[in-house]
Amino acid sequence: QVQMVESGGGSVQAGNSLKLSCTASGFIFGDYVMGWFRQASGKAREFVAAVHWYGDKFQYRDSVKGRFIVSRDNANRMVTLEMGKLKPEDTADYYCAATPSWEYDQSRQYEYWGQGTQVVVSS
């Protein structure tokens, strides 16, 4: 049974930081690219960041480059998203997801999804 559980969301003021974590089980973690997506109210889900199988390659959407860092710990089956200098436009539900493909920004390529964790950034 596949499970992906996010944690670490919350409400912060602009300029502050949050760290999201996602723990996975039920599949071979090291065989999957791990990604983060977000969905703001009334908007489409969008790619945020992805980390390669071995944790040595990363991709980010332009608006979070230099502010967010994605990483993974294959031994503990965990992926994290460190979010710094948060802005109100970062407000969304954040989802971790797993794909066997390096088409990292295509949500349809992701096989497994977490339930999401909410991030609210106030100005």
N, C-alpha and C. Protein backbone atom coordinates (compact mmCIF):
# COMPACT_ATOMS: atom_id res chain seq x y z
N GLN A 1 0.85 -1.19 0.00
CA GLN A 1 0.00 0.00 0.00
C GLN A 1 0.88 1.24 0.00
N VAL A 2 0.70 2.07 -1.02
CA VAL A 2 1.49 3.28 -1.14
C VAL A 2 0.94 4.36 -0.21
N GLN A 3 1.85 4.98 0.50
CA GLN A 3 1.49 6.13 1.33
C GLN A 3 2.52 7.21 1.16
N MET A 4 2.06 8.43 1.03
CA MET A 4 2.93 9.60 1.00
C MET A 4 2.29 10.64 1.90
N VAL A 5 3.02 11.01 2.92
CA VAL A 5 2.46 11.89 3.94
C VAL A 5 3.31 13.15 4.06
N GLU A 6 2.69 14.29 3.77
CA GLU A 6 3.38 15.57 3.90
C GLU A 6 3.16 16.14 5.30
N SER A 7 4.11 16.94 5.71
CA SER A 7 3.98 17.67 6.97
C SER A 7 4.78 18.97 6.87
N GLY A 8 4.52 19.87 7.80
CA GLY A 8 5.30 21.09 7.87
C GLY A 8 4.63 22.34 7.37
N GLY A 9 3.43 22.21 6.84
CA GLY A 9 2.73 23.39 6.38
C GLY A 9 2.30 24.27 7.54
N GLY A 10 1.83 25.46 7.22
CA GLY A 10 1.37 26.37 8.26
C GLY A 10 1.18 27.77 7.72
N SER A 11 1.00 28.69 8.64
CA SER A 11 0.80 30.10 8.29
C SER A 11 1.99 30.91 8.76
N VAL A 12 2.54 31.69 7.85
CA VAL A 12 3.69 32.53 8.19
C VAL A 12 3.54 33.89 7.53
N GLN A 13 4.33 34.82 8.00
CA GLN A 13 4.35 36.13 7.36
C GLN A 13 5.37 36.12 6.22
N ALA A 14 5.13 36.99 5.28
CA ALA A 14 6.03 37.12 4.15
C ALA A 14 7.45 37.36 4.62
N GLY A 15 8.38 36.72 3.93
CA GLY A 15 9.79 36.85 4.28
C GLY A 15 10.30 35.73 5.16
N ASN A 16 9.41 35.01 5.77
CA ASN A 16 9.79 33.92 6.65
C ASN A 16 9.98 32.61 5.88
N SER A 17 10.28 31.55 6.62
CA SER A 17 10.59 30.26 6.02
C SER A 17 9.71 29.16 6.57
N LEU A 18 9.57 28.11 5.78
CA LEU A 18 8.92 26.88 6.20
C LEU A 18 9.65 25.71 5.56
N LYS A 19 9.60 24.58 6.22
CA LYS A 19 10.18 23.36 5.68
C LYS A 19 9.11 22.30 5.60
N LEU A 20 8.86 21.83 4.39
CA LEU A 20 7.90 20.76 4.18
C LEU A 20 8.65 19.44 4.07
N SER A 21 8.05 18.40 4.62
CA SER A 21 8.62 17.06 4.53
C SER A 21 7.57 16.11 3.98
N CYS A 22 8.05 15.07 3.34
CA CYS A 22 7.16 14.05 2.80
C CYS A 22 7.83 12.70 3.01
N THR A 23 7.14 11.83 3.69
CA THR A 23 7.64 10.48 3.94
C THR A 23 6.83 9.50 3.12
N ALA A 24 7.54 8.62 2.41
CA ALA A 24 6.87 7.70 1.50
C ALA A 24 7.06 6.25 1.93
N SER A 25 6.11 5.42 1.56
CA SER A 25 6.20 3.99 1.81
C SER A 25 5.38 3.26 0.76
N GLY A 26 5.67 1.98 0.61
CA GLY A 26 4.87 1.15 -0.28
C GLY A 26 5.38 1.05 -1.70
N PHE A 27 6.51 1.70 -2.00
CA PHE A 27 7.12 1.56 -3.32
C PHE A 27 8.63 1.75 -3.15
N ILE A 28 9.38 1.41 -4.18
CA ILE A 28 10.83 1.50 -4.12
C ILE A 28 11.22 2.97 -4.31
N PHE A 29 11.45 3.65 -3.23
CA PHE A 29 11.64 5.09 -3.21
C PHE A 29 12.75 5.53 -4.16
N GLY A 30 13.86 4.81 -4.15
CA GLY A 30 15.01 5.18 -4.96
C GLY A 30 14.79 5.06 -6.45
N ASP A 31 13.71 4.43 -6.87
CA ASP A 31 13.40 4.27 -8.29
C ASP A 31 12.55 5.42 -8.83
N TYR A 32 12.26 6.38 -7.97
CA TYR A 32 11.33 7.44 -8.35
C TYR A 32 11.96 8.82 -8.18
N VAL A 33 11.72 9.66 -9.17
CA VAL A 33 11.96 11.09 -9.04
C VAL A 33 10.89 11.64 -8.11
N MET A 34 11.30 12.51 -7.23
CA MET A 34 10.35 13.09 -6.28
C MET A 34 10.13 14.56 -6.61
N GLY A 35 8.87 14.93 -6.64
CA GLY A 35 8.54 16.29 -6.99
C GLY A 35 7.61 16.93 -5.98
N TRP A 36 7.55 18.25 -6.06
CA TRP A 36 6.58 19.03 -5.28
C TRP A 36 5.76 19.86 -6.26
N PHE A 37 4.48 19.84 -6.03
CA PHE A 37 3.54 20.66 -6.78
C PHE A 37 2.76 21.49 -5.80
N ARG A 38 2.09 22.50 -6.30
CA ARG A 38 1.22 23.29 -5.45
C ARG A 38 -0.01 23.72 -6.23
N GLN A 39 -1.05 23.96 -5.46
CA GLN A 39 -2.30 24.40 -6.08
C GLN A 39 -2.92 25.47 -5.20
N ALA A 40 -3.00 26.65 -5.74
CA ALA A 40 -3.66 27.74 -5.04
C ALA A 40 -5.15 27.68 -5.32
N SER A 41 -5.91 28.28 -4.45
CA SER A 41 -7.36 28.25 -4.58
C SER A 41 -7.79 28.83 -5.92
N GLY A 42 -8.57 28.07 -6.67
CA GLY A 42 -9.08 28.52 -7.95
C GLY A 42 -8.10 28.47 -9.09
N LYS A 43 -6.93 27.90 -8.85
CA LYS A 43 -5.92 27.83 -9.89
C LYS A 43 -5.51 26.39 -10.16
N ALA A 44 -4.85 26.19 -11.30
CA ALA A 44 -4.40 24.86 -11.67
C ALA A 44 -3.18 24.46 -10.84
N ARG A 45 -3.02 23.17 -10.69
CA ARG A 45 -1.83 22.66 -10.00
C ARG A 45 -0.59 22.99 -10.83
N GLU A 46 0.47 23.39 -10.14
CA GLU A 46 1.69 23.75 -10.85
C GLU A 46 2.92 23.10 -10.23
N PHE A 47 3.88 22.84 -11.10
CA PHE A 47 5.13 22.26 -10.65
C PHE A 47 5.91 23.27 -9.82
N VAL A 48 6.56 22.78 -8.76
CA VAL A 48 7.39 23.63 -7.92
C VAL A 48 8.85 23.22 -7.99
N ALA A 49 9.12 21.95 -7.71
CA ALA A 49 10.51 21.50 -7.66
C ALA A 49 10.55 19.99 -7.81
N ALA A 50 11.70 19.49 -8.25
CA ALA A 50 11.89 18.05 -8.36
C ALA A 50 13.35 17.71 -8.08
N VAL A 51 13.55 16.52 -7.58
CA VAL A 51 14.90 16.04 -7.30
C VAL A 51 15.07 14.67 -7.93
N HIS A 52 16.20 14.53 -8.60
CA HIS A 52 16.56 13.32 -9.34
C HIS A 52 16.64 12.11 -8.39
N TRP A 53 16.66 10.93 -8.96
CA TRP A 53 16.69 9.70 -8.19
C TRP A 53 17.80 9.69 -7.13
N TYR A 54 19.00 10.15 -7.55
CA TYR A 54 20.13 10.06 -6.63
C TYR A 54 20.34 11.34 -5.83
N GLY A 55 19.47 12.30 -6.02
CA GLY A 55 19.54 13.53 -5.24
C GLY A 55 20.61 14.49 -5.71
N ASP A 56 21.09 14.34 -6.93
CA ASP A 56 22.18 15.18 -7.41
C ASP A 56 21.77 16.11 -8.55
N LYS A 57 20.51 16.08 -8.92
CA LYS A 57 20.00 17.01 -9.92
C LYS A 57 18.68 17.56 -9.43
N PHE A 58 18.47 18.83 -9.74
CA PHE A 58 17.30 19.50 -9.21
C PHE A 58 16.68 20.39 -10.28
N GLN A 59 15.39 20.58 -10.18
CA GLN A 59 14.70 21.50 -11.07
C GLN A 59 13.70 22.31 -10.25
N TYR A 60 13.56 23.58 -10.63
CA TYR A 60 12.65 24.47 -9.92
C TYR A 60 11.87 25.31 -10.92
N ARG A 61 10.66 25.68 -10.53
CA ARG A 61 9.99 26.67 -11.34
C ARG A 61 10.69 28.00 -11.11
N ASP A 62 10.64 28.86 -12.10
CA ASP A 62 11.42 30.09 -12.05
C ASP A 62 11.11 30.94 -10.83
N SER A 63 9.86 31.00 -10.43
CA SER A 63 9.47 31.91 -9.36
C SER A 63 9.99 31.50 -7.99
N VAL A 64 10.50 30.28 -7.86
CA VAL A 64 11.00 29.85 -6.55
C VAL A 64 12.52 29.66 -6.54
N LYS A 65 13.15 29.81 -7.70
CA LYS A 65 14.60 29.64 -7.76
C LYS A 65 15.29 30.64 -6.84
N GLY A 66 16.25 30.14 -6.09
CA GLY A 66 16.97 30.98 -5.15
C GLY A 66 16.28 31.12 -3.81
N ARG A 67 15.05 30.64 -3.72
CA ARG A 67 14.32 30.72 -2.44
C ARG A 67 13.99 29.34 -1.87
N PHE A 68 13.74 28.38 -2.73
CA PHE A 68 13.35 27.03 -2.31
C PHE A 68 14.49 26.06 -2.59
N ILE A 69 14.61 25.07 -1.73
CA ILE A 69 15.58 24.00 -1.92
C ILE A 69 14.89 22.66 -1.72
N VAL A 70 15.03 21.79 -2.70
CA VAL A 70 14.47 20.44 -2.60
C VAL A 70 15.60 19.46 -2.35
N SER A 71 15.34 18.46 -1.51
CA SER A 71 16.35 17.44 -1.23
C SER A 71 15.65 16.14 -0.89
N ARG A 72 16.44 15.08 -0.90
CA ARG A 72 15.86 13.79 -0.57
C ARG A 72 16.83 12.97 0.26
N ASP A 73 16.28 12.07 1.01
CA ASP A 73 17.03 11.13 1.84
C ASP A 73 16.50 9.76 1.50
N ASN A 74 17.21 9.07 0.63
CA ASN A 74 16.71 7.77 0.16
C ASN A 74 16.69 6.74 1.29
N ALA A 75 17.63 6.83 2.19
CA ALA A 75 17.68 5.85 3.29
C ALA A 75 16.42 5.94 4.16
N ASN A 76 15.93 7.16 4.34
CA ASN A 76 14.75 7.36 5.18
C ASN A 76 13.48 7.62 4.37
N ARG A 77 13.58 7.47 3.05
CA ARG A 77 12.42 7.58 2.19
C ARG A 77 11.71 8.91 2.38
N MET A 78 12.49 9.98 2.37
CA MET A 78 11.94 11.29 2.66
C MET A 78 12.40 12.31 1.63
N VAL A 79 11.50 13.21 1.30
CA VAL A 79 11.85 14.35 0.46
C VAL A 79 11.41 15.61 1.19
N THR A 80 12.23 16.64 1.10
CA THR A 80 11.92 17.88 1.81
C THR A 80 11.93 19.06 0.84
N LEU A 81 11.21 20.09 1.22
CA LEU A 81 11.20 21.33 0.46
C LEU A 81 11.38 22.46 1.47
N GLU A 82 12.55 23.05 1.44
CA GLU A 82 12.84 24.19 2.30
C GLU A 82 12.48 25.45 1.55
N MET A 83 11.55 26.20 2.12
CA MET A 83 11.02 27.38 1.45
C MET A 83 11.44 28.62 2.23
N GLY A 84 12.19 29.48 1.58
CA GLY A 84 12.65 30.70 2.21
C GLY A 84 12.09 31.93 1.51
N LYS A 85 12.20 33.07 2.20
CA LYS A 85 11.73 34.34 1.64
C LYS A 85 10.34 34.19 1.05
N LEU A 86 9.47 33.60 1.82
CA LEU A 86 8.13 33.31 1.32
C LEU A 86 7.38 34.58 0.97
N LYS A 87 6.55 34.43 -0.06
CA LYS A 87 5.74 35.54 -0.56
C LYS A 87 4.28 35.16 -0.51
N PRO A 88 3.39 36.12 -0.45
CA PRO A 88 1.96 35.78 -0.44
C PRO A 88 1.55 34.90 -1.63
N GLU A 89 2.19 35.08 -2.76
CA GLU A 89 1.85 34.27 -3.93
C GLU A 89 2.31 32.82 -3.82
N ASP A 90 3.04 32.49 -2.77
CA ASP A 90 3.40 31.10 -2.50
C ASP A 90 2.28 30.36 -1.76
N THR A 91 1.26 31.08 -1.36
CA THR A 91 0.13 30.47 -0.66
C THR A 91 -0.54 29.43 -1.54
N ALA A 92 -0.64 28.20 -1.02
CA ALA A 92 -1.22 27.10 -1.79
C ALA A 92 -1.22 25.84 -0.94
N ASP A 93 -1.87 24.83 -1.46
CA ASP A 93 -1.71 23.48 -0.93
C ASP A 93 -0.53 22.86 -1.67
N TYR A 94 0.38 22.29 -0.92
CA TYR A 94 1.59 21.71 -1.49
C TYR A 94 1.51 20.19 -1.42
N TYR A 95 1.87 19.56 -2.54
CA TYR A 95 1.79 18.12 -2.66
C TYR A 95 3.15 17.54 -3.04
N CYS A 96 3.53 16.46 -2.40
CA CYS A 96 4.68 15.71 -2.89
C CYS A 96 4.16 14.61 -3.81
N ALA A 97 5.00 14.22 -4.74
CA ALA A 97 4.59 13.24 -5.73
C ALA A 97 5.80 12.46 -6.22
N ALA A 98 5.53 11.29 -6.78
CA ALA A 98 6.60 10.41 -7.23
C ALA A 98 6.36 9.97 -8.67
N THR A 99 7.42 10.03 -9.46
CA THR A 99 7.34 9.59 -10.85
C THR A 99 8.59 8.80 -11.22
N PRO A 100 8.43 7.78 -12.06
CA PRO A 100 9.62 7.05 -12.52
C PRO A 100 10.34 7.77 -13.65
N SER A 101 9.78 8.87 -14.09
CA SER A 101 10.28 9.59 -15.26
C SER A 101 10.95 10.91 -14.86
N TRP A 102 11.90 11.37 -15.67
CA TRP A 102 12.51 12.68 -15.43
C TRP A 102 11.75 13.80 -16.15
N GLU A 103 10.54 13.50 -16.58
CA GLU A 103 9.67 14.57 -17.09
C GLU A 103 9.05 15.24 -15.88
N TYR A 104 9.87 15.90 -15.14
CA TYR A 104 9.57 16.31 -13.77
C TYR A 104 8.46 17.33 -13.64
N ASP A 105 8.20 18.10 -14.68
CA ASP A 105 7.20 19.16 -14.55
C ASP A 105 5.84 18.77 -15.09
N GLN A 106 5.69 17.52 -15.48
CA GLN A 106 4.42 17.04 -16.03
C GLN A 106 3.67 16.26 -14.97
N SER A 107 2.63 16.84 -14.41
CA SER A 107 1.93 16.18 -13.31
C SER A 107 1.36 14.84 -13.73
N ARG A 108 1.02 14.70 -15.01
CA ARG A 108 0.44 13.44 -15.47
C ARG A 108 1.44 12.29 -15.41
N GLN A 109 2.73 12.62 -15.31
CA GLN A 109 3.76 11.58 -15.23
C GLN A 109 3.91 11.01 -13.82
N TYR A 110 3.31 11.68 -12.86
CA TYR A 110 3.49 11.26 -11.47
C TYR A 110 2.47 10.20 -11.10
N GLU A 111 2.97 9.12 -10.50
CA GLU A 111 2.11 7.98 -10.17
C GLU A 111 1.51 8.09 -8.77
N TYR A 112 2.27 8.61 -7.86
CA TYR A 112 1.83 8.63 -6.47
C TYR A 112 1.83 10.07 -5.95
N TRP A 113 0.83 10.36 -5.13
CA TRP A 113 0.64 11.70 -4.59
C TRP A 113 0.33 11.65 -3.11
N GLY A 114 0.81 12.66 -2.41
CA GLY A 114 0.41 12.83 -1.03
C GLY A 114 -0.93 13.55 -0.96
N GLN A 115 -1.39 13.76 0.25
CA GLN A 115 -2.70 14.37 0.45
C GLN A 115 -2.64 15.90 0.49
N GLY A 116 -1.43 16.42 0.57
CA GLY A 116 -1.26 17.87 0.55
C GLY A 116 -1.14 18.47 1.94
N THR A 117 -0.42 19.57 1.99
CA THR A 117 -0.29 20.34 3.22
C THR A 117 -0.42 21.82 2.85
N GLN A 118 -1.13 22.56 3.68
CA GLN A 118 -1.45 23.95 3.33
C GLN A 118 -0.36 24.90 3.80
N VAL A 119 -0.03 25.83 2.94
CA VAL A 119 0.90 26.91 3.27
C VAL A 119 0.18 28.23 3.01
N VAL A 120 0.16 29.07 4.03
CA VAL A 120 -0.46 30.39 3.91
C VAL A 120 0.58 31.43 4.26
N VAL A 121 0.81 32.35 3.35
CA VAL A 121 1.78 33.41 3.57
C VAL A 121 1.05 34.74 3.56
N SER A 122 1.13 35.44 4.66
CA SER A 122 0.44 36.72 4.77
C SER A 122 1.42 37.88 4.60
N SER A 123 0.89 38.96 4.07
CA SER A 123 1.76 40.12 3.80
C SER A 123 1.84 41.03 5.01
